[in-house]
């Protein structure tokens, strides 16, 4: 069985920051993730971000020096959170989605925050990356609980999504709950088969991560919104497959949105092709990215 954890150890955690007042909170989450994996942290800021080239010299629009200043603040914040962490920073001329999508091709984890002013959902950048990121994507949605289980949306077959959930639970020292959609709960038919499928999906990873307590939960379609909302409020992390035509991603997108007035735990979305088969650069320095300016070094 391929190990996503092996690849995570070889590649940095990348975090995207913007100029929003709460934008640097996501750095704390990313720094903790990088420290738990023993890898460097790369902080990426897209300048001028949402401002197009024709707006660069208009009053009130951030100039390039402000972009560098934001990155310096982010690097300081990361080192305050984890003093011995290796931190690098990149300022890029690409749009935020383009910059972070490119960064995801050389990362073991991409971390972004939802836009607090979006009014619904996560905001355009996080929503785009939720369907296109090349590596697992963690969306910080306002809070980082220290307690609670890792909740994984499991399909009926073994998948790396469940493996990433077990790895996250092991790093956090928490339990895991594997949730599976049961097609016909009202009639009671097929429960044994559904539970057997879920058990088969969990078993290989449960054996590999025997130190992680785990349990299985079957739910019906009518219970999906309630279950996802409850997990968002009580879990440490919710893990799901990226781009899956199932029940989780769209519900997660609208759970814990800014407009609801509530925060929610982070979400980890795992691409179906993860881990990637092709060779990858071990660090961002090995990637050919001439449009990026790098600042920061090991503290």
Protein backbone atom coordinates (compact mmCIF):
# COMPACT_ATOMS: atom_id res chain seq x y z
CA UNK A 1 0.00 0.00 0.00
CA UNK A 2 1.38 3.41 -0.95
CA UNK A 3 2.13 5.65 1.98
CA UNK A 4 1.01 9.26 1.81
CA UNK A 5 2.85 9.80 5.08
CA UNK A 6 6.21 9.05 3.44
CA UNK A 7 5.60 11.76 0.85
CA UNK A 8 4.39 14.20 3.50
CA UNK A 9 7.75 13.79 5.27
CA UNK A 10 9.62 14.68 2.09
CA UNK A 11 7.72 17.83 1.16
CA UNK A 12 7.08 21.14 2.94
CA UNK A 13 3.84 22.52 4.27
CA UNK A 14 2.76 25.58 2.25
CA UNK A 15 0.44 28.26 3.65
CA UNK A 16 -1.20 31.08 1.74
CA UNK A 17 -1.61 34.46 3.44
CA UNK A 18 -3.48 37.58 2.39
CA UNK A 19 -3.89 41.11 3.72
CA UNK A 20 -7.13 40.47 5.62
CA UNK A 21 -7.07 41.43 9.34
CA UNK A 22 -7.44 37.79 10.39
CA UNK A 23 -5.30 36.41 7.58
CA UNK A 24 -2.27 35.52 9.71
CA UNK A 25 -4.18 33.18 12.02
CA UNK A 26 -3.81 30.43 9.46
CA UNK A 27 -0.02 30.64 9.90
CA UNK A 28 -0.32 29.19 13.41
CA UNK A 29 -2.17 26.16 12.02
CA UNK A 30 0.34 25.66 9.23
CA UNK A 31 3.33 26.02 11.57
CA UNK A 32 1.91 23.36 13.88
CA UNK A 33 1.33 21.04 10.93
CA UNK A 34 4.87 21.56 9.63
CA UNK A 35 6.32 20.91 13.08
CA UNK A 36 4.31 17.71 13.51
CA UNK A 37 5.64 16.43 10.17
CA UNK A 38 9.21 17.62 10.72
CA UNK A 39 9.27 19.60 7.46
CA UNK A 40 9.84 23.28 6.57
CA UNK A 41 7.04 25.81 6.25
CA UNK A 42 6.73 27.94 3.11
CA UNK A 43 4.60 31.09 3.35
CA UNK A 44 3.19 32.32 0.01
CA UNK A 45 1.63 35.71 -0.69
CA UNK A 46 0.27 36.74 -4.09
CA UNK A 47 0.86 40.41 -4.88
CA UNK A 48 -1.09 42.36 -5.91
CA UNK A 49 -3.53 39.55 -5.18
CA UNK A 50 -7.08 40.52 -6.03
CA UNK A 51 -5.88 43.80 -7.55
CA UNK A 52 -5.14 43.56 -11.27
CA UNK A 53 -2.05 45.11 -12.93
CA UNK A 54 -3.97 48.29 -13.85
CA UNK A 55 -4.77 48.88 -10.17
CA UNK A 56 -1.23 48.65 -8.81
CA UNK A 57 -0.60 52.36 -8.65
CA UNK A 58 -4.06 53.47 -7.56
CA UNK A 59 -4.53 55.05 -4.10
CA UNK A 60 -5.28 52.55 -1.38
CA UNK A 61 -3.83 49.59 -3.25
CA UNK A 62 -0.97 47.76 -1.43
CA UNK A 63 2.46 48.22 -3.00
CA UNK A 64 5.11 45.55 -3.23
CA UNK A 65 6.82 46.68 -0.02
CA UNK A 66 3.61 45.95 1.85
CA UNK A 67 3.62 42.46 0.40
CA UNK A 68 7.12 41.89 1.73
CA UNK A 69 6.08 43.33 5.09
CA UNK A 70 3.14 40.94 5.31
CA UNK A 71 5.44 38.00 4.63
CA UNK A 72 7.89 39.20 7.28
CA UNK A 73 5.06 39.33 9.81
CA UNK A 74 3.97 35.84 8.81
CA UNK A 75 7.49 34.46 9.19
CA UNK A 76 7.82 36.07 12.64
CA UNK A 77 4.46 34.65 13.67
CA UNK A 78 5.42 31.16 12.53
CA UNK A 79 8.71 31.29 14.43
CA UNK A 80 6.95 32.54 17.53
CA UNK A 81 4.56 29.59 17.29
CA UNK A 82 7.36 27.07 16.66
CA UNK A 83 10.77 28.61 17.48
CA UNK A 84 12.94 25.99 15.75
CA UNK A 85 10.84 25.73 12.61
CA UNK A 86 12.51 26.32 9.25
CA UNK A 87 10.44 29.00 7.51
CA UNK A 88 10.72 30.40 4.01
CA UNK A 89 8.57 32.99 2.26
CA UNK A 90 7.64 33.61 -1.35
CA UNK A 91 6.13 36.71 -2.95
CA UNK A 92 4.59 35.97 -6.33
CA UNK A 93 3.00 38.02 -9.11
CA UNK A 94 0.41 35.36 -9.88
CA UNK A 95 -3.20 35.48 -8.74
CA UNK A 96 -3.84 33.73 -5.39
CA UNK A 97 -5.46 30.64 -6.97
CA UNK A 98 -2.67 30.31 -9.55
CA UNK A 99 0.10 30.84 -7.00
CA UNK A 100 -1.29 28.35 -4.50
CA UNK A 101 -2.19 25.78 -7.15
CA UNK A 102 1.41 25.91 -8.39
CA UNK A 103 2.67 25.63 -4.81
CA UNK A 104 0.49 22.55 -4.23
CA UNK A 105 2.49 20.63 -6.86
CA UNK A 106 5.57 20.76 -4.65
CA UNK A 107 3.97 20.51 -1.21
CA UNK A 108 2.91 17.74 1.13
CA UNK A 109 0.13 19.92 2.53
CA UNK A 110 -1.43 23.23 1.47
CA UNK A 111 -3.08 25.33 4.18
CA UNK A 112 -5.45 28.25 3.51
CA UNK A 113 -8.07 30.14 5.46
CA UNK A 114 -11.66 30.74 4.43
CA UNK A 115 -12.48 34.33 3.58
CA UNK A 116 -14.19 35.91 6.58
CA UNK A 117 -15.92 38.44 4.31
CA UNK A 118 -17.22 35.87 1.83
CA UNK A 119 -20.68 35.78 3.39
CA UNK A 120 -21.11 32.14 2.42
CA UNK A 121 -18.85 29.23 1.77
CA UNK A 122 -15.09 29.57 2.00
CA UNK A 123 -14.37 32.28 -0.53
CA UNK A 124 -13.25 31.88 -4.15
CA UNK A 125 -9.61 30.88 -3.60
CA UNK A 126 -10.31 28.13 -1.07
CA UNK A 127 -13.28 26.90 -3.09
CA UNK A 128 -11.16 26.66 -6.24
CA UNK A 129 -8.35 24.83 -4.47
CA UNK A 130 -10.87 22.45 -2.89
CA UNK A 131 -11.37 20.99 -6.36
CA UNK A 132 -7.94 21.45 -7.93
CA UNK A 133 -5.13 21.29 -5.35
CA UNK A 134 -2.48 18.72 -6.27
CA UNK A 135 -1.77 17.88 -2.61
CA UNK A 136 -4.00 17.58 0.46
CA UNK A 137 -5.66 20.90 1.27
CA UNK A 138 -6.42 22.06 4.80
CA UNK A 139 -8.99 24.86 5.11
CA UNK A 140 -8.86 26.72 8.42
CA UNK A 141 -12.43 27.77 9.28
CA UNK A 142 -11.98 29.90 12.36
CA UNK A 143 -10.98 27.57 15.16
CA UNK A 144 -8.40 24.87 15.90
CA UNK A 145 -9.83 22.56 18.56
CA UNK A 146 -7.37 20.73 20.79
CA UNK A 147 -9.86 18.02 21.64
CA UNK A 148 -12.28 15.83 19.76
CA UNK A 149 -11.84 13.05 17.23
CA UNK A 150 -10.71 13.18 13.65
CA UNK A 151 -13.81 12.47 11.54
CA UNK A 152 -13.25 10.84 8.15
CA UNK A 153 -15.82 10.52 5.37
CA UNK A 154 -15.07 7.00 4.18
CA UNK A 155 -16.13 5.36 0.95
CA UNK A 156 -16.73 1.63 0.74
CA UNK A 157 -13.19 0.82 -0.40
CA UNK A 158 -9.74 1.37 1.13
CA UNK A 159 -8.50 4.83 0.19
CA UNK A 160 -5.66 7.18 1.00
CA UNK A 161 -8.26 9.59 2.45
CA UNK A 162 -8.79 7.22 5.37
CA UNK A 163 -5.03 6.80 5.67
CA UNK A 164 -4.52 10.56 5.89
CA UNK A 165 -7.18 10.65 8.59
CA UNK A 166 -5.39 8.01 10.65
CA UNK A 167 -2.06 9.83 10.22
CA UNK A 168 -3.65 13.10 11.38
CA UNK A 169 -5.22 11.38 14.39
CA UNK A 170 -1.87 9.81 15.30
CA UNK A 171 -0.10 13.18 15.16
CA UNK A 172 -2.82 14.77 17.28
CA UNK A 173 -3.10 11.91 19.75
CA UNK A 174 -6.84 11.67 19.14
CA UNK A 175 -9.36 9.02 18.15
CA UNK A 176 -10.83 8.55 14.68
CA UNK A 177 -14.44 8.18 13.59
CA UNK A 178 -15.02 6.76 10.11
CA UNK A 179 -18.39 7.81 8.68
CA UNK A 180 -20.01 6.01 5.74
CA UNK A 181 -23.23 6.78 3.88
CA UNK A 182 -25.76 3.95 4.13
CA UNK A 183 -28.13 3.94 1.16
CA UNK A 184 -31.31 2.60 2.74
CA UNK A 185 -31.41 3.12 6.51
CA UNK A 186 -35.21 3.51 6.70
CA UNK A 187 -35.91 -0.05 5.61
CA UNK A 188 -32.98 -1.45 7.54
CA UNK A 189 -31.86 -3.39 4.49
CA UNK A 190 -28.20 -3.58 3.64
CA UNK A 191 -26.86 -2.43 7.00
CA UNK A 192 -24.64 -5.47 7.44
CA UNK A 193 -23.24 -5.05 3.93
CA UNK A 194 -22.62 -1.33 4.45
CA UNK A 195 -20.85 -1.96 7.74
CA UNK A 196 -18.77 -4.67 6.09
CA UNK A 197 -17.73 -2.24 3.36
CA UNK A 198 -16.79 0.38 5.92
CA UNK A 199 -14.87 -2.14 8.00
CA UNK A 200 -12.95 -3.19 4.89
CA UNK A 201 -12.09 0.44 4.10
CA UNK A 202 -10.81 1.09 7.62
CA UNK A 203 -9.06 -2.20 8.41
CA UNK A 204 -5.75 -1.74 6.54
CA UNK A 205 -5.16 1.68 8.07
CA UNK A 206 -6.37 0.65 11.52
CA UNK A 207 -3.80 -2.12 11.46
CA UNK A 208 -1.03 0.26 10.35
CA UNK A 209 -2.00 2.85 12.99
CA UNK A 210 -2.88 0.49 15.83
CA UNK A 211 -2.26 3.23 18.42
CA UNK A 212 -5.23 5.22 17.09
CA UNK A 213 -8.61 4.25 18.63
CA UNK A 214 -11.25 4.13 15.91
CA UNK A 215 -14.93 3.43 15.49
CA UNK A 216 -17.36 3.22 12.58
CA UNK A 217 -20.54 5.20 12.03
CA UNK A 218 -23.21 4.56 9.37
CA UNK A 219 -25.57 7.40 8.44
CA UNK A 220 -28.40 7.94 5.97
CA UNK A 221 -28.66 10.74 3.42
CA UNK A 222 -31.19 12.62 5.56
CA UNK A 223 -28.66 12.74 8.41
CA UNK A 224 -25.79 14.15 6.37
CA UNK A 225 -26.27 17.90 7.12
CA UNK A 226 -26.72 17.27 10.85
CA UNK A 227 -23.74 14.90 11.02
CA UNK A 228 -21.42 17.24 9.13
CA UNK A 229 -22.51 20.24 11.22
CA UNK A 230 -22.02 18.32 14.45
CA UNK A 231 -18.58 17.16 13.32
CA UNK A 232 -17.65 20.73 12.39
CA UNK A 233 -18.44 21.89 15.93
CA UNK A 234 -17.11 18.95 17.94
CA UNK A 235 -14.35 17.29 15.93
CA UNK A 236 -10.70 18.21 15.86
CA UNK A 237 -10.55 17.79 12.09
CA UNK A 238 -12.86 16.63 9.30
CA UNK A 239 -11.23 14.66 6.47
CA UNK A 240 -12.82 13.96 3.09
CA UNK A 241 -11.89 13.06 -0.46
CA UNK A 242 -11.43 15.98 -2.83
CA UNK A 243 -13.71 16.35 -5.82
CA UNK A 244 -15.73 13.29 -4.87
CA UNK A 245 -19.30 13.15 -6.18
CA UNK A 246 -20.47 12.12 -2.74
CA UNK A 247 -22.10 13.78 0.19
CA UNK A 248 -19.34 15.65 2.00
CA UNK A 249 -17.54 18.39 0.11
CA UNK A 250 -20.52 20.58 -0.82
CA UNK A 251 -22.00 20.27 2.67
CA UNK A 252 -18.63 21.12 4.23
CA UNK A 253 -18.35 24.14 1.95
CA UNK A 254 -21.44 25.68 3.52
CA UNK A 255 -20.76 24.54 7.10
CA UNK A 256 -19.08 27.00 9.41
CA UNK A 257 -19.32 29.80 6.83
CA UNK A 258 -18.81 33.36 7.94
CA UNK A 259 -22.43 34.17 7.38
CA UNK A 260 -23.54 31.59 9.95
CA UNK A 261 -21.82 33.48 12.76
CA UNK A 262 -20.08 30.30 13.90
CA UNK A 263 -16.59 28.96 13.58
CA UNK A 264 -15.86 25.36 12.65
CA UNK A 265 -12.95 22.96 12.84
CA UNK A 266 -10.49 22.68 9.95
CA UNK A 267 -11.24 20.51 6.92
CA UNK A 268 -8.64 18.32 5.21
CA UNK A 269 -9.42 17.43 1.58
CA UNK A 270 -7.36 14.68 -0.04
CA UNK A 271 -6.95 14.46 -3.85
CA UNK A 272 -7.99 11.11 -5.38
CA UNK A 273 -4.57 10.69 -7.02
CA UNK A 274 -2.61 11.36 -3.84
CA UNK A 275 0.17 10.42 -3.34
CA UNK A 276 1.49 11.40 -6.74
CA UNK A 277 3.52 8.83 -8.61
CA UNK A 278 5.90 11.20 -10.39
CA UNK A 279 9.11 12.48 -8.87
CA UNK A 280 8.75 15.69 -6.92
CA UNK A 281 11.27 18.28 -5.73
CA UNK A 282 12.04 17.84 -2.05
CA UNK A 283 12.09 21.60 -1.43
CA UNK A 284 10.80 24.67 -3.20
CA UNK A 285 14.37 25.70 -4.05
CA UNK A 286 14.53 22.73 -6.41
CA UNK A 287 11.46 23.89 -8.31
CA UNK A 288 11.90 26.25 -11.23
CA UNK A 289 9.90 29.29 -10.20
CA UNK A 290 11.71 32.45 -11.41
CA UNK A 291 8.68 34.67 -10.84
CA UNK A 292 8.93 34.20 -7.06
CA UNK A 293 10.95 36.26 -4.62
CA UNK A 294 12.07 34.28 -1.57
CA UNK A 295 12.79 35.75 1.83
CA UNK A 296 13.36 34.16 5.21
CA UNK A 297 15.59 31.35 6.38
CA UNK A 298 15.99 29.04 9.32
CA UNK A 299 15.54 30.94 12.57
